[in-house]
Amino acid sequence: MSDKETVNLRIAGKDHALSCDPNDAPGLAAAAQEVERRVQKLREAQPQISSERAITLAALDIAFESAKGGKLGGGVDSGKVEQLNRRLDEALDRLQGALDL
């Protein structure tokens, strides 16, 4: 008897099969739905945004909200988050440039 369950999730038009504890499956599905909701919101605001960028920004937004709410260990320096966001933007721009070649 297996103690893992495969959950199929769809985010930004792509299917992802993840193995998890059966008790975690509903929460994982709900989390994926929240990421998808935020990705769609970003796409509505910026129709040309890449899937990778939209997913990354949605995940960052969720993590930042969680950190502000104290759900993640320790506090988060907003200046550090802004710096990380800039670095992430630069990395995504470089990646997009490499893909466009």
PDB file of N, CA and C in Angstrom:
ATOM      1  N   MET A   1       0.837  -1.181   0.000  1.00  0.00           N
ATOM      2  CA  MET A   1       0.000   0.000   0.000  1.00  0.00           C
ATOM      3  C   MET A   1       0.878   1.241   0.000  1.00  0.00           C
ATOM      4  N   SER A   2       0.623   2.130  -0.931  1.00  0.00           N
ATOM      5  CA  SER A   2       1.428   3.333  -1.081  1.00  0.00           C
ATOM      6  C   SER A   2       0.917   4.431  -0.153  1.00  0.00           C
ATOM      7  N   ASP A   3       1.858   5.185   0.399  1.00  0.00           N
ATOM      8  CA  ASP A   3       1.458   6.292   1.261  1.00  0.00           C
ATOM      9  C   ASP A   3       1.552   7.614   0.515  1.00  0.00           C
ATOM     10  N   LYS A   4       1.642   7.561  -0.805  1.00  0.00           N
ATOM     11  CA  LYS A   4       1.696   8.755  -1.646  1.00  0.00           C
ATOM     12  C   LYS A   4       0.536   8.749  -2.621  1.00  0.00           C
ATOM     13  N   GLU A   5       0.143   9.944  -3.013  1.00  0.00           N
ATOM     14  CA  GLU A   5      -0.926  10.117  -3.987  1.00  0.00           C
ATOM     15  C   GLU A   5      -0.406  11.050  -5.075  1.00  0.00           C
ATOM     16  N   THR A   6      -0.792  10.796  -6.310  1.00  0.00           N
ATOM     17  CA  THR A   6      -0.420  11.691  -7.401  1.00  0.00           C
ATOM     18  C   THR A   6      -1.550  12.683  -7.618  1.00  0.00           C
ATOM     19  N   VAL A   7      -1.191  13.949  -7.602  1.00  0.00           N
ATOM     20  CA  VAL A   7      -2.155  15.023  -7.815  1.00  0.00           C
ATOM     21  C   VAL A   7      -1.811  15.682  -9.143  1.00  0.00           C
ATOM     22  N   ASN A   8      -2.794  15.827 -10.005  1.00  0.00           N
ATOM     23  CA  ASN A   8      -2.599  16.499 -11.284  1.00  0.00           C
ATOM     24  C   ASN A   8      -3.075  17.939 -11.170  1.00  0.00           C
ATOM     25  N   LEU A   9      -2.168  18.854 -11.454  1.00  0.00           N
ATOM     26  CA  LEU A   9      -2.452  20.281 -11.328  1.00  0.00           C
ATOM     27  C   LEU A   9      -2.224  20.959 -12.669  1.00  0.00           C
ATOM     28  N   ARG A  10      -2.974  21.991 -12.946  1.00  0.00           N
ATOM     29  CA  ARG A  10      -2.798  22.757 -14.187  1.00  0.00           C
ATOM     30  C   ARG A  10      -2.527  24.203 -13.804  1.00  0.00           C
ATOM     31  N   ILE A  11      -1.355  24.681 -14.218  1.00  0.00           N
ATOM     32  CA  ILE A  11      -0.964  26.058 -13.941  1.00  0.00           C
ATOM     33  C   ILE A  11      -0.438  26.656 -15.236  1.00  0.00           C
ATOM     34  N   ALA A  12      -0.987  27.799 -15.618  1.00  0.00           N
ATOM     35  CA  ALA A  12      -0.570  28.532 -16.811  1.00  0.00           C
ATOM     36  C   ALA A  12      -0.602  27.642 -18.054  1.00  0.00           C
ATOM     37  N   GLY A  13      -1.638  26.818 -18.146  1.00  0.00           N
ATOM     38  CA  GLY A  13      -1.820  25.995 -19.323  1.00  0.00           C
ATOM     39  C   GLY A  13      -0.970  24.743 -19.373  1.00  0.00           C
ATOM     40  N   LYS A  14      -0.253  24.452 -18.319  1.00  0.00           N
ATOM     41  CA  LYS A  14       0.596  23.260 -18.307  1.00  0.00           C
ATOM     42  C   LYS A  14       0.176  22.344 -17.169  1.00  0.00           C
ATOM     43  N   ASP A  15       0.186  21.049 -17.475  1.00  0.00           N
ATOM     44  CA  ASP A  15      -0.171  20.049 -16.476  1.00  0.00           C
ATOM     45  C   ASP A  15       1.064  19.631 -15.690  1.00  0.00           C
ATOM     46  N   HIS A  16       0.862  19.434 -14.398  1.00  0.00           N
ATOM     47  CA  HIS A  16       1.939  19.010 -13.505  1.00  0.00           C
ATOM     48  C   HIS A  16       1.405  17.887 -12.627  1.00  0.00           C
ATOM     49  N   ALA A  17       2.090  16.758 -12.615  1.00  0.00           N
ATOM     50  CA  ALA A  17       1.726  15.642 -11.748  1.00  0.00           C
ATOM     51  C   ALA A  17       2.707  15.625 -10.586  1.00  0.00           C
ATOM     52  N   LEU A  18       2.177  15.764  -9.385  1.00  0.00           N
ATOM     53  CA  LEU A  18       3.010  15.795  -8.189  1.00  0.00           C
ATOM     54  C   LEU A  18       2.597  14.688  -7.234  1.00  0.00           C
ATOM     55  N   SER A  19       3.578  14.090  -6.618  1.00  0.00           N
ATOM     56  CA  SER A  19       3.335  13.059  -5.617  1.00  0.00           C
ATOM     57  C   SER A  19       3.332  13.720  -4.245  1.00  0.00           C
ATOM     58  N   CYS A  20       2.330  13.384  -3.432  1.00  0.00           N
ATOM     59  CA  CYS A  20       2.243  13.984  -2.105  1.00  0.00           C
ATOM     60  C   CYS A  20       1.502  13.051  -1.154  1.00  0.00           C
ATOM     61  N   ASP A  21       1.542  13.394   0.103  1.00  0.00           N
ATOM     62  CA  ASP A  21       0.770  12.683   1.115  1.00  0.00           C
ATOM     63  C   ASP A  21      -0.719  12.893   0.792  1.00  0.00           C
ATOM     64  N   PRO A  22      -1.536  11.863   0.865  1.00  0.00           N
ATOM     65  CA  PRO A  22      -2.962  12.024   0.551  1.00  0.00           C
ATOM     66  C   PRO A  22      -3.649  13.128   1.356  1.00  0.00           C
ATOM     67  N   ASN A  23      -3.209  13.350   2.576  1.00  0.00           N
ATOM     68  CA  ASN A  23      -3.809  14.409   3.392  1.00  0.00           C
ATOM     69  C   ASN A  23      -3.463  15.800   2.875  1.00  0.00           C
ATOM     70  N   ASP A  24      -2.365  15.904   2.117  1.00  0.00           N
ATOM     71  CA  ASP A  24      -1.929  17.198   1.597  1.00  0.00           C
ATOM     72  C   ASP A  24      -2.531  17.514   0.232  1.00  0.00           C
ATOM     73  N   ALA A  25      -3.132  16.537  -0.415  1.00  0.00           N
ATOM     74  CA  ALA A  25      -3.638  16.726  -1.777  1.00  0.00           C
ATOM     75  C   ALA A  25      -4.648  17.871  -1.899  1.00  0.00           C
ATOM     76  N   PRO A  26      -5.643  17.984  -1.036  1.00  0.00           N
ATOM     77  CA  PRO A  26      -6.592  19.104  -1.180  1.00  0.00           C
ATOM     78  C   PRO A  26      -5.922  20.474  -1.015  1.00  0.00           C
ATOM     79  N   GLY A  27      -5.017  20.589  -0.070  1.00  0.00           N
ATOM     80  CA  GLY A  27      -4.321  21.854   0.129  1.00  0.00           C
ATOM     81  C   GLY A  27      -3.427  22.200  -1.037  1.00  0.00           C
ATOM     82  N   LEU A  28      -2.769  21.200  -1.601  1.00  0.00           N
ATOM     83  CA  LEU A  28      -1.917  21.414  -2.763  1.00  0.00           C
ATOM     84  C   LEU A  28      -2.751  21.854  -3.965  1.00  0.00           C
ATOM     85  N   ALA A  29      -3.891  21.222  -4.150  1.00  0.00           N
ATOM     86  CA  ALA A  29      -4.786  21.607  -5.242  1.00  0.00           C
ATOM     87  C   ALA A  29      -5.286  23.038  -5.053  1.00  0.00           C
ATOM     88  N   ALA A  30      -5.622  23.404  -3.828  1.00  0.00           N
ATOM     89  CA  ALA A  30      -6.081  24.765  -3.547  1.00  0.00           C
ATOM     90  C   ALA A  30      -4.963  25.777  -3.791  1.00  0.00           C
ATOM     91  N   ALA A  31      -3.747  25.419  -3.417  1.00  0.00           N
ATOM     92  CA  ALA A  31      -2.610  26.305  -3.644  1.00  0.00           C
ATOM     93  C   ALA A  31      -2.382  26.511  -5.143  1.00  0.00           C
ATOM     94  N   ALA A  32      -2.479  25.436  -5.917  1.00  0.00           N
ATOM     95  CA  ALA A  32      -2.311  25.541  -7.364  1.00  0.00           C
ATOM     96  C   ALA A  32      -3.401  26.416  -7.975  1.00  0.00           C
ATOM     97  N   GLN A  33      -4.618  26.302  -7.467  1.00  0.00           N
ATOM     98  CA  GLN A  33      -5.710  27.144  -7.960  1.00  0.00           C
ATOM     99  C   GLN A  33      -5.442  28.612  -7.655  1.00  0.00           C
ATOM    100  N   GLU A  34      -4.862  28.889  -6.495  1.00  0.00           N
ATOM    101  CA  GLU A  34      -4.542  30.277  -6.135  1.00  0.00           C
ATOM    102  C   GLU A  34      -3.441  30.822  -7.046  1.00  0.00           C
ATOM    103  N   VAL A  35      -2.428  30.006  -7.321  1.00  0.00           N
ATOM    104  CA  VAL A  35      -1.371  30.435  -8.248  1.00  0.00           C
ATOM    105  C   VAL A  35      -1.991  30.709  -9.615  1.00  0.00           C
ATOM    106  N   GLU A  36      -2.832  29.808 -10.086  1.00  0.00           N
ATOM    107  CA  GLU A  36      -3.482  29.977 -11.394  1.00  0.00           C
ATOM    108  C   GLU A  36      -4.339  31.239 -11.424  1.00  0.00           C
ATOM    109  N   ARG A  37      -5.060  31.516 -10.339  1.00  0.00           N
ATOM    110  CA  ARG A  37      -5.893  32.731 -10.276  1.00  0.00           C
ATOM    111  C   ARG A  37      -5.021  33.978 -10.420  1.00  0.00           C
ATOM    112  N   ARG A  38      -3.899  33.985  -9.740  1.00  0.00           N
ATOM    113  CA  ARG A  38      -3.015  35.148  -9.802  1.00  0.00           C
ATOM    114  C   ARG A  38      -2.315  35.260 -11.151  1.00  0.00           C
ATOM    115  N   VAL A  39      -1.975  34.128 -11.749  1.00  0.00           N
ATOM    116  CA  VAL A  39      -1.384  34.147 -13.090  1.00  0.00           C
ATOM    117  C   VAL A  39      -2.378  34.764 -14.070  1.00  0.00           C
ATOM    118  N   GLN A  40      -3.637  34.350 -13.988  1.00  0.00           N
ATOM    119  CA  GLN A  40      -4.655  34.895 -14.889  1.00  0.00           C
ATOM    120  C   GLN A  40      -4.848  36.397 -14.661  1.00  0.00           C
ATOM    121  N   LYS A  41      -4.800  36.826 -13.430  1.00  0.00           N
ATOM    122  CA  LYS A  41      -4.927  38.252 -13.116  1.00  0.00           C
ATOM    123  C   LYS A  41      -3.771  39.038 -13.736  1.00  0.00           C
ATOM    124  N   LEU A  42      -2.558  38.501 -13.636  1.00  0.00           N
ATOM    125  CA  LEU A  42      -1.399  39.146 -14.250  1.00  0.00           C
ATOM    126  C   LEU A  42      -1.541  39.192 -15.766  1.00  0.00           C
ATOM    127  N   ARG A  43      -2.024  38.111 -16.356  1.00  0.00           N
ATOM    128  CA  ARG A  43      -2.202  38.067 -17.811  1.00  0.00           C
ATOM    129  C   ARG A  43      -3.257  39.052 -18.286  1.00  0.00           C
ATOM    130  N   GLU A  44      -4.289  39.267 -17.487  1.00  0.00           N
ATOM    131  CA  GLU A  44      -5.307  40.252 -17.844  1.00  0.00           C
ATOM    132  C   GLU A  44      -4.707  41.654 -17.823  1.00  0.00           C
ATOM    133  N   ALA A  45      -3.859  41.918 -16.846  1.00  0.00           N
ATOM    134  CA  ALA A  45      -3.234  43.237 -16.727  1.00  0.00           C
ATOM    135  C   ALA A  45      -2.116  43.447 -17.751  1.00  0.00           C
ATOM    136  N   GLN A  46      -1.407  42.361 -18.083  1.00  0.00           N
ATOM    137  CA  GLN A  46      -0.274  42.424 -19.010  1.00  0.00           C
ATOM    138  C   GLN A  46      -0.375  41.255 -19.983  1.00  0.00           C
ATOM    139  N   PRO A  47      -1.148  41.402 -21.053  1.00  0.00           N
ATOM    140  CA  PRO A  47      -1.384  40.275 -21.971  1.00  0.00           C
ATOM    141  C   PRO A  47      -0.116  39.673 -22.583  1.00  0.00           C
ATOM    142  N   GLN A  48       0.957  40.413 -22.691  1.00  0.00           N
ATOM    143  CA  GLN A  48       2.182  39.901 -23.318  1.00  0.00           C
ATOM    144  C   GLN A  48       3.124  39.206 -22.335  1.00  0.00           C
ATOM    145  N   ILE A  49       2.741  39.119 -21.060  1.00  0.00           N
ATOM    146  CA  ILE A  49       3.625  38.535 -20.051  1.00  0.00           C
ATOM    147  C   ILE A  49       3.849  37.048 -20.346  1.00  0.00           C
ATOM    148  N   SER A  50       5.080  36.602 -20.170  1.00  0.00           N
ATOM    149  CA  SER A  50       5.381  35.181 -20.401  1.00  0.00           C
ATOM    150  C   SER A  50       4.821  34.346 -19.248  1.00  0.00           C
ATOM    151  N   SER A  51       4.604  33.085 -19.525  1.00  0.00           N
ATOM    152  CA  SER A  51       4.111  32.179 -18.485  1.00  0.00           C
ATOM    153  C   SER A  51       5.091  32.093 -17.328  1.00  0.00           C
ATOM    154  N   GLU A  52       6.378  31.995 -17.651  1.00  0.00           N
ATOM    155  CA  GLU A  52       7.393  31.879 -16.606  1.00  0.00           C
ATOM    156  C   GLU A  52       7.385  33.095 -15.691  1.00  0.00           C
ATOM    157  N   ARG A  53       7.297  34.262 -16.292  1.00  0.00           N
ATOM    158  CA  ARG A  53       7.299  35.500 -15.499  1.00  0.00           C
ATOM    159  C   ARG A  53       6.026  35.597 -14.659  1.00  0.00           C
ATOM    160  N   ALA A  54       4.893  35.273 -15.257  1.00  0.00           N
ATOM    161  CA  ALA A  54       3.622  35.346 -14.529  1.00  0.00           C
ATOM    162  C   ALA A  54       3.612  34.387 -13.346  1.00  0.00           C
ATOM    163  N   ILE A  55       4.095  33.166 -13.555  1.00  0.00           N
ATOM    164  CA  ILE A  55       4.139  32.187 -12.472  1.00  0.00           C
ATOM    165  C   ILE A  55       5.088  32.650 -11.376  1.00  0.00           C
ATOM    166  N   THR A  56       6.244  33.160 -11.785  1.00  0.00           N
ATOM    167  CA  THR A  56       7.229  33.612 -10.813  1.00  0.00           C
ATOM    168  C   THR A  56       6.685  34.777  -9.989  1.00  0.00           C
ATOM    169  N   LEU A  57       6.080  35.742 -10.647  1.00  0.00           N
ATOM    170  CA  LEU A  57       5.538  36.891  -9.922  1.00  0.00           C
ATOM    171  C   LEU A  57       4.368  36.488  -9.028  1.00  0.00           C
ATOM    172  N   ALA A  58       3.537  35.568  -9.484  1.00  0.00           N
ATOM    173  CA  ALA A  58       2.430  35.086  -8.649  1.00  0.00           C
ATOM    174  C   ALA A  58       2.977  34.394  -7.403  1.00  0.00           C
ATOM    175  N   ALA A  59       3.985  33.545  -7.587  1.00  0.00           N
ATOM    176  CA  ALA A  59       4.580  32.838  -6.443  1.00  0.00           C
ATOM    177  C   ALA A  59       5.241  33.820  -5.486  1.00  0.00           C
ATOM    178  N   LEU A  60       5.932  34.798  -6.031  1.00  0.00           N
ATOM    179  CA  LEU A  60       6.576  35.810  -5.185  1.00  0.00           C
ATOM    180  C   LEU A  60       5.531  36.598  -4.405  1.00  0.00           C
ATOM    181  N   ASP A  61       4.450  36.959  -5.049  1.00  0.00           N
ATOM    182  CA  ASP A  61       3.376  37.699  -4.392  1.00  0.00           C
ATOM    183  C   ASP A  61       2.773  36.880  -3.248  1.00  0.00           C
ATOM    184  N   ILE A  62       2.539  35.614  -3.483  1.00  0.00           N
ATOM    185  CA  ILE A  62       1.988  34.739  -2.449  1.00  0.00           C
ATOM    186  C   ILE A  62       2.964  34.605  -1.281  1.00  0.00           C
ATOM    187  N   ALA A  63       4.242  34.395  -1.599  1.00  0.00           N
ATOM    188  CA  ALA A  63       5.250  34.257  -0.546  1.00  0.00           C
ATOM    189  C   ALA A  63       5.380  35.543   0.258  1.00  0.00           C
ATOM    190  N   PHE A  64       5.342  36.679  -0.417  1.00  0.00           N
ATOM    191  CA  PHE A  64       5.462  37.952   0.276  1.00  0.00           C
ATOM    192  C   PHE A  64       4.265  38.182   1.194  1.00  0.00           C
ATOM    193  N   GLU A  65       3.069  37.906   0.708  1.00  0.00           N
ATOM    194  CA  GLU A  65       1.873  38.042   1.554  1.00  0.00           C
ATOM    195  C   GLU A  65       1.955  37.122   2.763  1.00  0.00           C
ATOM    196  N   SER A  66       2.421  35.914   2.539  1.00  0.00           N
ATOM    197  CA  SER A  66       2.561  34.957   3.625  1.00  0.00           C
ATOM    198  C   SER A  66       3.566  35.457   4.655  1.00  0.00           C
ATOM    199  N   ALA A  67       4.669  35.997   4.183  1.00  0.00           N
ATOM    200  CA  ALA A  67       5.702  36.511   5.085  1.00  0.00           C
ATOM    201  C   ALA A  67       5.183  37.705   5.882  1.00  0.00           C
ATOM    202  N   LYS A  68       4.441  38.577   5.244  1.00  0.00           N
ATOM    203  CA  LYS A  68       3.877  39.732   5.948  1.00  0.00           C
ATOM    204  C   LYS A  68       2.903  39.292   7.021  1.00  0.00           C
ATOM    205  N   GLY A  69       2.195  38.203   6.751  1.00  0.00           N
ATOM    206  CA  GLY A  69       1.216  37.703   7.703  1.00  0.00           C
ATOM    207  C   GLY A  69       1.832  36.859   8.800  1.00  0.00           C
ATOM    208  N   GLY A  70       3.152  36.696   8.765  1.00  0.00           N
ATOM    209  CA  GLY A  70       3.838  35.933   9.787  1.00  0.00           C
ATOM    210  C   GLY A  70       3.760  34.428   9.598  1.00  0.00           C
ATOM    211  N   LYS A  71       3.310  33.981   8.425  1.00  0.00           N
ATOM    212  CA  LYS A  71       3.179  32.544   8.208  1.00  0.00           C
ATOM    213  C   LYS A  71       4.514  31.890   7.892  1.00  0.00           C
ATOM    214  N   LEU A  72       5.466  32.682   7.431  1.00  0.00           N
ATOM    215  CA  LEU A  72       6.797  32.144   7.195  1.00  0.00           C
ATOM    216  C   LEU A  72       7.665  32.507   8.383  1.00  0.00           C
ATOM    217  N   GLY A  73       8.664  31.694   8.659  1.00  0.00           N
ATOM    218  CA  GLY A  73       9.534  31.955   9.796  1.00  0.00           C
ATOM    219  C   GLY A  73      10.271  33.273   9.660  1.00  0.00           C
ATOM    220  N   GLY A  74      10.259  34.068  10.704  1.00  0.00           N
ATOM    221  CA  GLY A  74      11.006  35.323  10.716  1.00  0.00           C
ATOM    222  C   GLY A  74      10.340  36.405   9.891  1.00  0.00           C
ATOM    223  N   GLY A  75      10.856  37.600  10.030  1.00  0.00           N
ATOM    224  CA  GLY A  75      10.337  38.729   9.276  1.00  0.00           C
ATOM    225  C   GLY A  75      11.039  38.856   7.943  1.00  0.00           C
ATOM    226  N   VAL A  76      10.451  39.639   7.069  1.00  0.00           N
ATOM    227  CA  VAL A  76      11.029  39.879   5.755  1.00  0.00           C
ATOM    228  C   VAL A  76      11.244  41.375   5.611  1.00  0.00           C
ATOM    229  N   ASP A  77      12.444  41.750   5.229  1.00  0.00           N
ATOM    230  CA  ASP A  77      12.797  43.140   4.990  1.00  0.00           C
ATOM    231  C   ASP A  77      12.254  43.533   3.621  1.00  0.00           C
ATOM    232  N   SER A  78      11.355  44.543   3.562  1.00  0.00           N
ATOM    233  CA  SER A  78      10.742  44.907   2.284  1.00  0.00           C
ATOM    234  C   SER A  78      11.781  45.384   1.282  1.00  0.00           C
ATOM    235  N   GLY A  79      12.846  46.023   1.743  1.00  0.00           N
ATOM    236  CA  GLY A  79      13.921  46.429   0.842  1.00  0.00           C
ATOM    237  C   GLY A  79      14.588  45.228   0.212  1.00  0.00           C
ATOM    238  N   LYS A  80      14.760  44.185   0.995  1.00  0.00           N
ATOM    239  CA  LYS A  80      15.367  42.952   0.489  1.00  0.00           C
ATOM    240  C   LYS A  80      14.449  42.311  -0.545  1.00  0.00           C
ATOM    241  N   VAL A  81      13.147  42.335  -0.297  1.00  0.00           N
ATOM    242  CA  VAL A  81      12.194  41.767  -1.250  1.00  0.00           C
ATOM    243  C   VAL A  81      12.242  42.556  -2.557  1.00  0.00           C
ATOM    244  N   GLU A  82      12.304  43.876  -2.469  1.00  0.00           N
ATOM    245  CA  GLU A  82      12.391  44.702  -3.680  1.00  0.00           C
ATOM    246  C   GLU A  82      13.671  44.399  -4.445  1.00  0.00           C
ATOM    247  N   GLN A  83      14.779  44.238  -3.733  1.00  0.00           N
ATOM    248  CA  GLN A  83      16.047  43.908  -4.369  1.00  0.00           C
ATOM    249  C   GLN A  83      15.955  42.544  -5.055  1.00  0.00           C
ATOM    250  N   LEU A  84      15.392  41.572  -4.371  1.00  0.00           N
ATOM    251  CA  LEU A  84      15.226  40.247  -4.962  1.00  0.00           C
ATOM    252  C   LEU A  84      14.312  40.296  -6.178  1.00  0.00           C
ATOM    253  N   ASN A  85      13.272  41.102  -6.102  1.00  0.00           N
ATOM    254  CA  ASN A  85      12.345  41.243  -7.225  1.00  0.00           C
ATOM    255  C   ASN A  85      13.057  41.843  -8.434  1.00  0.00           C
ATOM    256  N   ARG A  86      13.902  42.848  -8.214  1.00  0.00           N
ATOM    257  CA  ARG A  86      14.666  43.442  -9.315  1.00  0.00           C
ATOM    258  C   ARG A  86      15.600  42.409  -9.930  1.00  0.00           C
ATOM    259  N   ARG A  87      16.288  41.646  -9.066  1.00  0.00           N
ATOM    260  CA  ARG A  87      17.208  40.621  -9.563  1.00  0.00           C
ATOM    261  C   ARG A  87      16.448  39.551 -10.345  1.00  0.00           C
ATOM    262  N   LEU A  88      15.277  39.199  -9.862  1.00  0.00           N
ATOM    263  CA  LEU A  88      14.444  38.225 -10.549  1.00  0.00           C
ATOM    264  C   LEU A  88      14.008  38.763 -11.909  1.00  0.00           C
ATOM    265  N   ASP A  89      13.590  40.022 -11.959  1.00  0.00           N
ATOM    266  CA  ASP A  89      13.213  40.643 -13.228  1.00  0.00           C
ATOM    267  C   ASP A  89      14.370  40.609 -14.217  1.00  0.00           C
ATOM    268  N   GLU A  90      15.565  40.932 -13.754  1.00  0.00           N
ATOM    269  CA  GLU A  90      16.742  40.930 -14.619  1.00  0.00           C
ATOM    270  C   GLU A  90      17.034  39.519 -15.136  1.00  0.00           C
ATOM    271  N   ALA A  91      16.951  38.535 -14.248  1.00  0.00           N
ATOM    272  CA  ALA A  91      17.215  37.153 -14.656  1.00  0.00           C
ATOM    273  C   ALA A  91      16.182  36.687 -15.673  1.00  0.00           C
ATOM    274  N   LEU A  92      14.917  37.021 -15.448  1.00  0.00           N
ATOM    275  CA  LEU A  92      13.871  36.623 -16.386  1.00  0.00           C
ATOM    276  C   LEU A  92      14.046  37.318 -17.732  1.00  0.00           C
ATOM    277  N   ASP A  93      14.469  38.582 -17.717  1.00  0.00           N
ATOM    278  CA  ASP A  93      14.728  39.302 -18.960  1.00  0.00           C
ATOM    279  C   ASP A  93      15.868  38.639 -19.736  1.00  0.00           C
ATOM    280  N   ARG A  94      16.937  38.236 -19.019  1.00  0.00           N
ATOM    281  CA  ARG A  94      18.054  37.551 -19.677  1.00  0.00           C
ATOM    282  C   ARG A  94      17.595  36.213 -20.254  1.00  0.00           C
ATOM    283  N   LEU A  95      16.796  35.493 -19.494  1.00  0.00           N
ATOM    284  CA  LEU A  95      16.280  34.214 -19.972  1.00  0.00           C
ATOM    285  C   LEU A  95      15.417  34.407 -21.209  1.00  0.00           C
ATOM    286  N   GLN A  96      14.548  35.392 -21.166  1.00  0.00           N
ATOM    287  CA  GLN A  96      13.682  35.663 -22.327  1.00  0.00           C
ATOM    288  C   GLN A  96      14.519  36.051 -23.527  1.00  0.00           C
ATOM    289  N   GLY A  97      15.559  36.850 -23.315  1.00  0.00           N
ATOM    290  CA  GLY A  97      16.461  37.232 -24.407  1.00  0.00           C
ATOM    291  C   GLY A  97      17.158  36.033 -25.012  1.00  0.00           C
ATOM    292  N   ALA A  98      17.570  35.099 -24.174  1.00  0.00           N
ATOM    293  CA  ALA A  98      18.237  33.900 -24.664  1.00  0.00           C
ATOM    294  C   ALA A  98      17.267  33.027 -25.449  1.00  0.00           C
ATOM    295  N   LEU A  99      16.018  32.976 -25.020  1.00  0.00           N
ATOM    296  CA  LEU A  99      15.017  32.181 -25.724  1.00  0.00           C
ATOM    297  C   LEU A  99      14.618  32.793 -27.063  1.00  0.00           C
ATOM    298  N   ASP A 100      14.731  34.111 -27.171  1.00  0.00           N
ATOM    299  CA  ASP A 100      14.359  34.810 -28.392  1.00  0.00           C
ATOM    300  C   ASP A 100      15.408  34.676 -29.498  1.00  0.00           C
ATOM    301  N   LEU A 101      16.609  34.220 -29.129  1.00  0.00           N
ATOM    302  CA  LEU A 101      17.691  34.122 -30.133  1.00  0.00           C
ATOM    303  C   LEU A 101      17.436  33.110 -31.176  1.00  0.00           C
TER     304      LEU A 101
END
